[in-house]
């Protein structure tokens, strides 16, 4: 019984990781499109490198 519960739990964790990764990639993609459109090429480079910049720009561009 414990083995079955562990498999179900682990399957759910893996599925959650995949979904989170997909959402993160989409979020970053949106940001990387918006920054150059706003003439902010250097900011796009910073967003690609540093999480602190990404968080700042997500808020600024209202990307959630």
N, C-alpha and C. Protein backbone atom coordinates (compact mmCIF):
# COMPACT_ATOMS: atom_id res chain seq x y z
N UNK A 1 0.83 -1.20 0.00
CA UNK A 1 0.00 0.00 0.00
C UNK A 1 0.87 1.26 0.00
N UNK A 2 1.89 1.30 0.87
CA UNK A 2 2.76 2.46 0.92
C UNK A 2 3.47 2.68 -0.41
N UNK A 3 3.86 1.60 -1.06
CA UNK A 3 4.54 1.70 -2.35
C UNK A 3 3.63 2.37 -3.38
N UNK A 4 2.38 1.99 -3.41
CA UNK A 4 1.42 2.57 -4.35
C UNK A 4 1.22 4.06 -4.05
N UNK A 5 1.11 4.41 -2.79
CA UNK A 5 0.94 5.82 -2.41
C UNK A 5 2.17 6.62 -2.80
N UNK A 6 3.35 6.06 -2.59
CA UNK A 6 4.59 6.74 -2.97
C UNK A 6 4.65 6.97 -4.48
N UNK A 7 4.24 5.98 -5.28
CA UNK A 7 4.25 6.14 -6.73
C UNK A 7 3.29 7.24 -7.16
N UNK A 8 2.11 7.25 -6.57
CA UNK A 8 1.13 8.28 -6.91
C UNK A 8 1.65 9.66 -6.51
N UNK A 9 2.21 9.76 -5.32
CA UNK A 9 2.77 11.03 -4.84
C UNK A 9 3.89 11.50 -5.76
N UNK A 10 4.83 10.61 -6.05
CA UNK A 10 5.97 10.98 -6.90
C UNK A 10 5.52 11.37 -8.30
N UNK A 11 4.51 10.70 -8.81
CA UNK A 11 3.96 11.05 -10.11
C UNK A 11 3.38 12.46 -10.08
N UNK A 12 2.68 12.79 -9.03
CA UNK A 12 2.11 14.13 -8.88
C UNK A 12 3.18 15.19 -8.76
N UNK A 13 4.24 14.88 -8.02
CA UNK A 13 5.35 15.82 -7.87
C UNK A 13 6.01 16.08 -9.22
N UNK A 14 6.27 15.03 -9.97
CA UNK A 14 6.88 15.19 -11.29
C UNK A 14 5.99 15.99 -12.23
N UNK A 15 4.71 15.71 -12.20
CA UNK A 15 3.77 16.46 -13.05
C UNK A 15 3.77 17.93 -12.66
N UNK A 16 3.80 18.21 -11.37
CA UNK A 16 3.84 19.58 -10.89
C UNK A 16 5.11 20.30 -11.32
N UNK A 17 6.23 19.60 -11.29
CA UNK A 17 7.49 20.19 -11.74
C UNK A 17 7.44 20.54 -13.22
N UNK A 18 6.89 19.63 -14.03
CA UNK A 18 6.78 19.87 -15.47
C UNK A 18 5.90 21.09 -15.74
N UNK A 19 4.77 21.18 -15.04
CA UNK A 19 3.85 22.30 -15.25
C UNK A 19 4.50 23.61 -14.80
N UNK A 20 5.20 23.58 -13.68
CA UNK A 20 5.87 24.77 -13.19
C UNK A 20 6.96 25.24 -14.14
N UNK A 21 7.70 24.31 -14.69
CA UNK A 21 8.74 24.66 -15.66
C UNK A 21 8.14 25.30 -16.90
N UNK A 22 7.05 24.72 -17.38
CA UNK A 22 6.38 25.26 -18.57
C UNK A 22 5.89 26.67 -18.30
N UNK A 23 5.26 26.89 -17.15
CA UNK A 23 4.76 28.22 -16.81
C UNK A 23 5.90 29.22 -16.69
N UNK A 24 7.01 28.81 -16.08
CA UNK A 24 8.16 29.68 -15.94
C UNK A 24 8.76 30.07 -17.27
N UNK A 25 8.83 29.11 -18.18
CA UNK A 25 9.36 29.39 -19.52
C UNK A 25 8.45 30.37 -20.26
N UNK A 26 7.14 30.20 -20.14
CA UNK A 26 6.21 31.11 -20.79
C UNK A 26 6.32 32.52 -20.21
N UNK A 27 6.46 32.58 -18.90
CA UNK A 27 6.58 33.88 -18.22
C UNK A 27 7.85 34.60 -18.67
N UNK A 28 8.97 33.90 -18.70
CA UNK A 28 10.22 34.49 -19.14
C UNK A 28 10.14 34.88 -20.61
N UNK A 29 9.52 34.05 -21.42
CA UNK A 29 9.35 34.37 -22.84
C UNK A 29 8.57 35.66 -23.04
N UNK A 30 7.51 35.83 -22.28
CA UNK A 30 6.73 37.07 -22.36
C UNK A 30 7.58 38.27 -21.99
N UNK A 31 8.36 38.13 -20.95
CA UNK A 31 9.21 39.24 -20.51
C UNK A 31 10.26 39.58 -21.55
N UNK A 32 10.91 38.55 -22.09
CA UNK A 32 11.97 38.77 -23.07
C UNK A 32 11.42 39.37 -24.37
N UNK A 33 10.14 39.17 -24.65
CA UNK A 33 9.51 39.84 -25.80
C UNK A 33 9.21 41.30 -25.50
N UNK A 34 8.72 41.56 -24.30
CA UNK A 34 8.28 42.91 -23.95
C UNK A 34 9.43 43.90 -23.75
N UNK A 35 10.52 43.44 -23.16
CA UNK A 35 11.62 44.36 -22.89
C UNK A 35 12.21 44.96 -24.17
N UNK A 36 12.58 44.18 -25.17
CA UNK A 36 13.10 44.79 -26.40
C UNK A 36 12.06 45.66 -27.11
N UNK A 37 10.80 45.26 -27.04
CA UNK A 37 9.74 46.08 -27.65
C UNK A 37 9.68 47.46 -27.01
N UNK A 38 10.09 47.53 -25.74
CA UNK A 38 10.11 48.81 -25.02
C UNK A 38 11.47 49.50 -25.16
N UNK A 39 12.34 48.95 -26.02
CA UNK A 39 13.66 49.53 -26.25
C UNK A 39 14.64 49.27 -25.13
N UNK A 40 14.42 48.21 -24.39
CA UNK A 40 15.23 47.92 -23.21
C UNK A 40 16.04 46.64 -23.40
N UNK A 41 16.93 46.68 -24.35
CA UNK A 41 17.75 45.52 -24.71
C UNK A 41 18.64 45.10 -23.54
N UNK A 42 19.30 46.05 -22.91
CA UNK A 42 20.18 45.75 -21.77
C UNK A 42 19.39 45.10 -20.63
N UNK A 43 18.18 45.58 -20.40
CA UNK A 43 17.35 44.99 -19.36
C UNK A 43 16.97 43.56 -19.70
N UNK A 44 16.76 43.28 -20.98
CA UNK A 44 16.45 41.90 -21.39
C UNK A 44 17.63 40.98 -21.10
N UNK A 45 18.84 41.47 -21.35
CA UNK A 45 20.04 40.68 -21.04
C UNK A 45 20.15 40.44 -19.54
N UNK A 46 19.88 41.46 -18.75
CA UNK A 46 19.92 41.30 -17.29
C UNK A 46 18.85 40.32 -16.80
N UNK A 47 17.67 40.39 -17.39
CA UNK A 47 16.59 39.48 -17.01
C UNK A 47 16.95 38.04 -17.32
N UNK A 48 17.67 37.84 -18.42
CA UNK A 48 18.08 36.48 -18.79
C UNK A 48 19.10 35.92 -17.80
N UNK A 49 19.89 36.80 -17.18
CA UNK A 49 20.97 36.35 -16.29
C UNK A 49 20.59 36.30 -14.82
N UNK A 50 19.77 37.23 -14.36
CA UNK A 50 19.59 37.42 -12.92
C UNK A 50 18.11 37.37 -12.50
N UNK A 51 17.81 36.51 -11.54
CA UNK A 51 16.44 36.36 -11.03
C UNK A 51 15.92 37.65 -10.41
N UNK A 52 16.79 38.41 -9.76
CA UNK A 52 16.34 39.65 -9.12
C UNK A 52 15.80 40.64 -10.15
N UNK A 53 16.43 40.71 -11.31
CA UNK A 53 15.94 41.58 -12.38
C UNK A 53 14.62 41.05 -12.92
N UNK A 54 14.54 39.73 -13.10
CA UNK A 54 13.30 39.15 -13.61
C UNK A 54 12.13 39.50 -12.71
N UNK A 55 12.30 39.33 -11.41
CA UNK A 55 11.22 39.64 -10.47
C UNK A 55 10.78 41.10 -10.60
N UNK A 56 11.75 41.99 -10.69
CA UNK A 56 11.48 43.42 -10.82
C UNK A 56 10.68 43.70 -12.10
N UNK A 57 11.11 43.13 -13.20
CA UNK A 57 10.46 43.39 -14.48
C UNK A 57 9.10 42.70 -14.59
N UNK A 58 8.96 41.51 -13.97
CA UNK A 58 7.64 40.86 -13.95
C UNK A 58 6.61 41.78 -13.31
N UNK A 59 7.02 42.40 -12.22
CA UNK A 59 6.11 43.33 -11.54
C UNK A 59 5.85 44.54 -12.42
N UNK A 60 6.90 45.12 -12.95
CA UNK A 60 6.76 46.32 -13.77
C UNK A 60 5.86 46.10 -14.99
N UNK A 61 6.02 44.97 -15.64
CA UNK A 61 5.24 44.67 -16.84
C UNK A 61 3.97 43.87 -16.55
N UNK A 62 3.67 43.69 -15.27
CA UNK A 62 2.47 42.99 -14.80
C UNK A 62 2.34 41.61 -15.44
N UNK A 63 3.42 40.85 -15.35
CA UNK A 63 3.45 39.48 -15.85
C UNK A 63 3.38 38.56 -14.64
N UNK A 64 2.35 37.71 -14.63
CA UNK A 64 2.22 36.79 -13.48
C UNK A 64 2.02 35.37 -13.94
